[in-house]
Amino acid sequence: MRKKILIVCPNPMGYAPGQRLKFEQYFKNWQENGYDVTVKPFISESFQKIVYKNNHLAAKVYHTIIGYVSRIKTLAQLRQYDIVYIFLWVTPFGFPLFEMLYCAIAKRVIYDIDDLVYTTNKKAPWYSKLFKTKYKPIYMMKKAKHVITCTPYLDKFARKYNNSTTDISSTVDTAKKYICVNPYSNDKPLTIGWSGSHSTIRHFVTIKNVLVTIQKKYPDIKIMVMGGTNIKITDLKVESTEWSEEKEIPTLQSFDIGIYPLPNEQWVYGKSGLKAIQYMALGIPTIATAIGTNFRVIENGTSGYLVNSEEEWIEKLTLLIENPYLRKKIGTGGRIKVEEFFSVDANKQKYLDAFDELMPNN
């Protein structure tokens, strides 16, 4: 007999990396293994188009009310599902009332927590703070039958409240989507690339001086930013492009070197190293800040480089720019690491094991 899973998540499918490169890409595998999936996001497609933009206050209030009404209607449907899979929260604001109701009514709840959402990222945009409260994730970690995390640091924290956890990193589909096309050649100007968002562009800016130095040393180098559009940095020539699902992988494939700088903040320890994983999956030699989960993702000198200082950033960038054979060696090592540990194929059984353990007669 087929079993039914309800996904309760913030965003519609295909938008948020925390959903798109975690559980969303496993739906087909779940269905092939006897689990039918229904997705109920809080944010509608119309709301998604304006939620991170300035202004549109009346429309945002309207769509938020609609989201709450939808969550109320879903209460009556919860018992139809064998598992209710809640990602981050049921509703975005305040006291965990809806989380209490959903946990009380649902047969079985799995809670998926991404990033350190129980802490406050002081440098994050004001609007993102509205969607985060420590009470909801702490309550969900206590009440869920199983908790899915994404880093060792986060998993250790979750185990303070729940003994049943699984650490599943953000992952990529190396079989069908993330295909290596890098020629590892210096026959054309190289591209140093960074992928992020409007909220993480400040991470890119932390190595401005490094990139200014590199650009002066190698005038033909192109610096590409995807996701932090219309960026203007004094003394630095940057080509920027908006993110879209359709052009994400083709844009990443145009990178010759991928960079993943991070600040030294507690918030970083909840990051799964996704951007590094994406670069590495495409065979792009990657340089990242030596912090947090990057130590799990990158084996320094084999599958990428981990650096701390501006001097190390400049040293490793120079090495990779001048040595195409080294770029190929490091890029190949990164691809192998992702296939073995951070691909969909390597992690799909972890979700099924979590589901099966909760189901009776398994």
Protein backbone atom coordinates (compact mmCIF):
# COMPACT_ATOMS: atom_id res chain seq x y z
CA MET A 1 0.00 0.00 0.00
CA ARG A 2 1.34 3.41 -0.98
CA LYS A 3 2.10 5.92 1.74
CA LYS A 4 1.46 9.66 1.68
CA ILE A 5 3.84 12.49 2.61
CA LEU A 6 2.78 16.12 3.02
CA ILE A 7 5.57 18.67 2.57
CA VAL A 8 4.93 21.86 4.57
CA CYS A 9 7.47 24.45 3.46
CA PRO A 10 7.94 28.22 3.07
CA ASN A 11 8.52 28.56 -0.69
CA PRO A 12 6.92 27.12 -3.84
CA MET A 13 8.98 24.50 -5.63
CA GLY A 14 12.03 25.49 -7.64
CA TYR A 15 12.99 28.73 -5.87
CA ALA A 16 14.71 28.35 -2.49
CA PRO A 17 18.10 26.56 -2.45
CA GLY A 18 17.29 25.11 0.98
CA GLN A 19 14.39 23.25 -0.62
CA ARG A 20 15.51 22.88 -4.22
CA LEU A 21 18.88 21.33 -3.41
CA LYS A 22 17.70 19.34 -0.45
CA PHE A 23 14.42 17.43 -0.40
CA GLU A 24 12.73 18.65 -3.62
CA GLN A 25 15.12 16.77 -5.90
CA TYR A 26 14.32 13.48 -4.13
CA PHE A 27 10.57 13.49 -4.78
CA LYS A 28 10.83 11.17 -7.80
CA ASN A 29 12.90 8.69 -5.80
CA TRP A 30 10.38 8.79 -2.94
CA GLN A 31 7.53 8.12 -5.34
CA GLU A 32 9.44 5.21 -6.89
CA ASN A 33 9.74 3.75 -3.40
CA GLY A 34 6.06 3.93 -2.47
CA TYR A 35 5.65 7.46 -1.09
CA ASP A 36 3.22 9.89 -2.79
CA VAL A 37 4.20 13.53 -2.23
CA THR A 38 2.00 16.60 -1.80
CA VAL A 39 3.60 20.05 -1.39
CA LYS A 40 1.92 22.94 0.42
CA PRO A 41 4.08 26.10 0.52
CA PHE A 42 3.20 29.13 2.63
CA ILE A 43 4.35 31.54 -0.09
CA SER A 44 2.39 31.36 -3.34
CA GLU A 45 3.93 31.80 -6.79
CA SER A 46 2.56 35.37 -6.90
CA PHE A 47 3.93 36.16 -3.44
CA GLN A 48 7.33 34.70 -4.36
CA LYS A 49 7.76 37.29 -7.12
CA ILE A 50 7.58 40.21 -4.66
CA VAL A 51 8.48 38.84 -1.22
CA TYR A 52 12.14 39.94 -1.36
CA LYS A 53 11.54 43.20 -3.21
CA ASN A 54 11.16 46.64 -1.67
CA ASN A 55 7.70 48.21 -1.40
CA HIS A 56 4.58 46.14 -2.33
CA LEU A 57 3.56 46.33 1.35
CA ALA A 58 -0.20 45.94 0.78
CA ALA A 59 0.33 42.96 -1.51
CA LYS A 60 2.69 41.33 0.99
CA VAL A 61 0.17 41.73 3.81
CA TYR A 62 -2.56 40.26 1.60
CA HIS A 63 -0.48 37.25 0.55
CA THR A 64 0.62 36.65 4.15
CA ILE A 65 -3.00 36.50 5.28
CA ILE A 66 -3.75 34.07 2.44
CA GLY A 67 -0.84 31.95 3.61
CA TYR A 68 -2.25 31.74 7.13
CA VAL A 69 -5.71 30.89 5.82
CA SER A 70 -4.20 28.08 3.75
CA ARG A 71 -2.42 26.70 6.83
CA ILE A 72 -5.72 26.72 8.75
CA LYS A 73 -7.45 24.78 5.97
CA THR A 74 -4.64 22.22 5.94
CA LEU A 75 -5.27 21.40 9.61
CA ALA A 76 -8.32 19.36 8.60
CA GLN A 77 -6.26 17.36 6.08
CA LEU A 78 -3.26 16.40 8.22
CA ARG A 79 -4.57 13.00 9.32
CA GLN A 80 -4.79 11.92 5.67
CA TYR A 81 -1.00 11.74 5.51
CA ASP A 82 1.32 9.09 6.93
CA ILE A 83 4.12 11.65 7.37
CA VAL A 84 4.00 15.44 7.62
CA TYR A 85 7.43 16.78 6.62
CA ILE A 86 7.91 20.34 7.93
CA PHE A 87 10.76 22.44 6.61
CA LEU A 88 11.80 25.36 8.88
CA TRP A 89 8.30 26.40 10.06
CA VAL A 90 4.57 26.08 9.46
CA THR A 91 3.96 29.85 9.66
CA PRO A 92 6.62 32.54 9.67
CA PHE A 93 5.91 34.78 12.65
CA GLY A 94 5.87 34.70 16.42
CA PHE A 95 4.75 32.02 18.86
CA PRO A 96 4.75 28.42 17.51
CA LEU A 97 0.96 28.03 17.65
CA PHE A 98 0.58 26.41 14.24
CA GLU A 99 3.59 24.19 14.86
CA MET A 100 1.88 22.96 18.05
CA LEU A 101 -1.35 22.26 16.21
CA TYR A 102 0.33 20.45 13.33
CA CYS A 103 2.41 18.29 15.69
CA ALA A 104 -0.68 17.47 17.78
CA ILE A 105 -2.83 16.45 14.82
CA ALA A 106 -0.37 14.81 12.39
CA LYS A 107 0.35 11.10 12.73
CA ARG A 108 4.10 11.53 12.34
CA VAL A 109 6.18 14.69 11.89
CA ILE A 110 9.65 14.97 10.41
CA TYR A 111 11.32 18.33 10.94
CA ASP A 112 13.95 19.57 8.48
CA ILE A 113 16.10 22.43 9.80
CA ASP A 114 18.44 24.32 7.48
CA ASP A 115 20.97 26.91 8.69
CA LEU A 116 21.08 28.10 12.30
CA VAL A 117 17.54 29.47 12.16
CA TYR A 118 17.29 29.37 15.96
CA THR A 119 19.90 32.14 16.15
CA THR A 120 19.80 35.73 14.92
CA ASN A 121 22.10 36.70 12.10
CA LYS A 122 22.68 40.33 13.06
CA LYS A 123 23.99 41.30 9.62
CA ALA A 124 21.17 39.69 7.67
CA PRO A 125 18.63 41.95 5.92
CA TRP A 126 15.81 43.16 8.18
CA TYR A 127 13.12 41.33 6.20
CA SER A 128 14.79 37.93 6.66
CA LYS A 129 14.74 38.43 10.44
CA LEU A 130 10.95 38.72 10.31
CA PHE A 131 10.81 35.10 9.14
CA LYS A 132 13.02 33.73 11.90
CA THR A 133 12.26 33.05 15.54
CA LYS A 134 14.16 30.68 17.81
CA TYR A 135 11.00 29.37 19.47
CA LYS A 136 9.63 27.59 16.41
CA PRO A 137 12.73 25.53 15.52
CA ILE A 138 13.42 24.62 19.15
CA TYR A 139 9.81 23.49 19.61
CA MET A 140 9.90 21.49 16.38
CA MET A 141 13.15 19.77 17.30
CA LYS A 142 11.57 18.66 20.58
CA LYS A 143 8.27 17.45 19.16
CA ALA A 144 9.17 15.89 15.79
CA LYS A 145 9.54 12.13 15.50
CA HIS A 146 12.74 12.69 13.50
CA VAL A 147 14.94 15.73 12.72
CA ILE A 148 16.89 16.17 9.48
CA THR A 149 19.85 18.53 9.69
CA CYS A 150 22.53 19.56 7.18
CA THR A 151 25.82 20.03 9.07
CA PRO A 152 27.60 18.23 11.94
CA TYR A 153 27.35 21.39 14.06
CA LEU A 154 23.60 21.63 13.54
CA ASP A 155 23.12 17.90 14.10
CA LYS A 156 24.94 18.09 17.43
CA PHE A 157 22.69 20.96 18.50
CA ALA A 158 19.50 19.14 17.43
CA ARG A 159 20.49 16.10 19.51
CA LYS A 160 20.14 18.21 22.65
CA TYR A 161 16.40 18.02 22.01
CA ASN A 162 15.87 14.88 19.94
CA ASN A 163 17.82 11.61 19.80
CA SER A 164 16.49 10.75 16.35
CA THR A 165 18.37 12.84 13.75
CA THR A 166 19.95 12.43 10.33
CA ASP A 167 22.61 14.76 8.92
CA ILE A 168 21.92 15.16 5.19
CA SER A 169 23.86 17.87 3.38
CA SER A 170 22.56 19.92 0.51
CA THR A 171 23.26 17.80 -2.55
CA VAL A 172 23.34 17.99 -6.35
CA ASP A 173 22.37 15.68 -9.20
CA THR A 174 25.72 14.70 -10.72
CA ALA A 175 24.12 12.08 -12.97
CA LYS A 176 21.84 14.29 -15.06
CA LYS A 177 22.28 17.98 -14.25
CA TYR A 178 25.76 18.83 -12.99
CA ILE A 179 27.93 17.89 -15.96
CA CYS A 180 31.58 18.94 -16.33
CA VAL A 181 32.38 21.00 -19.45
CA ASN A 182 35.47 22.92 -18.26
CA PRO A 183 38.29 22.76 -20.88
CA TYR A 184 40.96 23.69 -18.29
CA SER A 185 42.68 25.86 -20.88
CA ASN A 186 44.41 29.24 -20.81
CA ASP A 187 43.63 29.85 -24.47
CA LYS A 188 40.99 32.39 -23.47
CA PRO A 189 40.55 34.88 -20.60
CA LEU A 190 39.58 33.04 -17.42
CA THR A 191 36.53 33.66 -15.24
CA ILE A 192 36.58 33.75 -11.44
CA GLY A 193 33.00 33.14 -10.33
CA TRP A 194 30.90 33.60 -7.22
CA SER A 195 27.30 32.49 -6.76
CA GLY A 196 25.07 33.82 -4.00
CA SER A 197 22.15 36.14 -3.37
CA HIS A 198 21.27 39.68 -2.36
CA SER A 199 21.58 38.63 1.29
CA THR A 200 25.05 37.04 0.95
CA ILE A 201 26.73 39.52 -1.38
CA ARG A 202 28.48 40.91 1.70
CA HIS A 203 30.44 37.64 1.85
CA PHE A 204 31.78 38.29 -1.64
CA VAL A 205 32.81 41.81 -0.63
CA THR A 206 35.01 40.45 2.19
CA ILE A 207 37.66 39.55 -0.39
CA LYS A 208 37.38 42.75 -2.44
CA ASN A 209 41.05 43.63 -1.88
CA VAL A 210 42.10 40.15 -3.02
CA LEU A 211 40.14 40.44 -6.25
CA VAL A 212 41.38 43.98 -6.92
CA THR A 213 44.94 42.69 -6.59
CA ILE A 214 44.25 39.74 -8.91
CA GLN A 215 42.55 41.93 -11.49
CA LYS A 216 45.50 44.34 -11.54
CA LYS A 217 47.91 41.43 -11.93
CA TYR A 218 45.80 39.73 -14.63
CA PRO A 219 43.84 42.45 -16.48
CA ASP A 220 42.05 39.93 -18.73
CA ILE A 221 40.50 38.06 -15.80
CA LYS A 222 36.72 38.27 -15.68
CA ILE A 223 35.00 38.33 -12.28
CA MET A 224 31.44 37.02 -12.47
CA VAL A 225 28.76 37.33 -9.77
CA MET A 226 25.50 35.40 -10.05
CA GLY A 227 22.67 36.39 -7.73
CA GLY A 228 23.95 39.74 -6.42
CA THR A 229 22.72 41.82 -9.32
CA ASN A 230 23.74 45.38 -10.15
CA ILE A 231 26.71 45.17 -7.83
CA LYS A 232 29.15 48.08 -7.98
CA ILE A 233 32.41 47.91 -6.05
CA THR A 234 35.01 50.65 -6.20
CA ASP A 235 38.16 49.66 -8.14
CA LEU A 236 36.71 46.25 -9.07
CA LYS A 237 35.25 45.32 -12.44
CA VAL A 238 32.44 42.84 -11.90
CA GLU A 239 30.04 41.27 -14.36
CA SER A 240 26.79 40.37 -12.63
CA THR A 241 23.78 38.35 -13.68
CA GLU A 242 20.49 37.50 -12.02
CA TRP A 243 19.88 34.00 -10.77
CA SER A 244 17.28 31.81 -12.41
CA GLU A 245 16.87 28.06 -12.26
CA GLU A 246 17.20 27.80 -16.03
CA LYS A 247 20.54 29.58 -16.29
CA GLU A 248 22.08 28.62 -12.95
CA ILE A 249 24.07 25.61 -14.17
CA PRO A 250 25.10 27.15 -17.55
CA THR A 251 26.39 30.22 -15.68
CA LEU A 252 28.30 28.08 -13.18
CA GLN A 253 29.76 26.05 -16.06
CA SER A 254 31.30 29.27 -17.41
CA PHE A 255 33.45 29.62 -14.26
CA ASP A 256 37.09 28.54 -14.45
CA ILE A 257 37.63 29.06 -10.70
CA GLY A 258 34.91 29.12 -8.03
CA ILE A 259 35.24 31.19 -4.86
CA TYR A 260 33.36 30.74 -1.60
CA PRO A 261 34.40 33.35 0.99
CA LEU A 262 32.64 33.35 4.36
CA PRO A 263 32.87 35.64 7.41
CA ASN A 264 33.96 34.31 10.79
CA GLU A 265 30.50 34.23 12.41
CA GLN A 266 28.48 31.61 14.28
CA TRP A 267 25.85 31.73 11.55
CA VAL A 268 28.33 30.18 9.12
CA TYR A 269 28.41 26.90 11.07
CA GLY A 270 24.90 26.15 9.85
CA LYS A 271 25.96 26.44 6.19
CA SER A 272 26.30 23.12 4.37
CA GLY A 273 28.90 24.41 1.90
CA LEU A 274 26.38 24.31 -0.93
CA LYS A 275 28.11 26.79 -3.23
CA ALA A 276 31.39 24.92 -2.95
CA ILE A 277 29.53 21.67 -3.64
CA GLN A 278 27.97 23.16 -6.78
CA TYR A 279 31.31 24.37 -8.12
CA MET A 280 33.05 21.08 -7.32
CA ALA A 281 30.27 19.01 -8.91
CA LEU A 282 31.01 20.78 -12.20
CA GLY A 283 34.73 20.11 -11.91
CA ILE A 284 35.46 23.77 -11.11
CA PRO A 285 38.53 24.17 -8.88
CA THR A 286 37.26 25.81 -5.71
CA ILE A 287 38.78 28.09 -3.08
CA ALA A 288 36.84 28.56 0.16
CA THR A 289 37.30 30.07 3.59
CA ALA A 290 38.65 27.54 6.08
CA ILE A 291 35.67 27.50 8.42
CA GLY A 292 32.72 25.35 9.45
CA THR A 293 31.42 22.65 7.14
CA ASN A 294 33.93 23.60 4.44
CA PHE A 295 36.36 21.28 6.24
CA ARG A 296 33.98 18.40 5.53
CA VAL A 297 33.35 19.38 1.91
CA ILE A 298 36.90 20.20 0.83
CA GLU A 299 40.06 18.19 1.39
CA ASN A 300 42.68 20.93 1.20
CA GLY A 301 44.96 20.53 -1.79
CA THR A 302 43.06 17.55 -3.19
CA SER A 303 39.44 18.54 -3.85
CA GLY A 304 39.89 22.29 -3.41
CA TYR A 305 41.72 24.86 -1.32
CA LEU A 306 40.90 26.14 2.17
CA VAL A 307 42.33 29.55 3.01
CA ASN A 308 42.26 32.05 5.87
CA SER A 309 44.17 35.20 4.96
CA GLU A 310 44.18 37.59 2.01
CA GLU A 311 47.70 36.40 1.26
CA GLU A 312 46.47 32.78 0.99
CA TRP A 313 43.57 33.82 -1.25
CA ILE A 314 45.99 35.61 -3.60
CA GLU A 315 48.46 32.71 -3.54
CA LYS A 316 45.89 30.04 -4.43
CA LEU A 317 44.15 32.17 -7.05
CA THR A 318 47.51 32.87 -8.69
CA LEU A 319 48.41 29.17 -8.68
CA LEU A 320 45.16 28.18 -10.36
CA ILE A 321 45.18 31.03 -12.88
CA GLU A 322 48.68 30.19 -14.08
CA ASN A 323 48.40 26.37 -14.02
CA PRO A 324 45.66 24.80 -16.16
CA TYR A 325 46.86 21.29 -15.26
CA LEU A 326 46.48 22.11 -11.57
CA ARG A 327 42.97 23.43 -12.23
CA LYS A 328 42.11 20.11 -13.86
CA LYS A 329 43.63 18.10 -11.00
CA ILE A 330 41.82 20.05 -8.28
CA GLY A 331 38.59 20.23 -10.31
CA THR A 332 38.60 16.48 -10.90
CA GLY A 333 39.28 15.84 -7.22
CA GLY A 334 36.34 18.04 -6.28
CA ARG A 335 34.02 16.24 -8.68
CA ILE A 336 35.01 12.86 -7.21
CA LYS A 337 34.40 14.13 -3.66
CA VAL A 338 30.90 15.37 -4.52
CA GLU A 339 29.94 12.18 -6.35
CA GLU A 340 30.97 10.10 -3.34
CA PHE A 341 29.50 12.20 -0.53
CA PHE A 342 27.30 15.07 -1.74
CA SER A 343 25.38 13.73 -4.75
CA VAL A 344 21.73 12.72 -4.89
CA ASP A 345 22.70 9.10 -5.54
CA ALA A 346 24.93 9.03 -2.47
CA ASN A 347 22.24 10.38 -0.14
CA LYS A 348 18.86 9.19 -1.41
CA GLN A 349 18.73 6.15 0.88
CA LYS A 350 19.15 8.34 3.98
CA TYR A 351 15.72 9.93 3.46
CA LEU A 352 14.07 6.59 2.79
CA ASP A 353 15.63 5.10 5.92
CA ALA A 354 14.24 7.97 8.01
CA PHE A 355 10.77 7.47 6.53
CA ASP A 356 10.78 3.70 6.85
CA GLU A 357 11.87 3.80 10.49
CA LEU A 358 8.80 5.85 11.38
CA MET A 359 6.31 3.67 9.56
CA PRO A 360 4.63 0.76 11.40
CA ASN A 361 5.52 -2.80 10.40
CA ASN A 362 8.91 -1.77 8.95
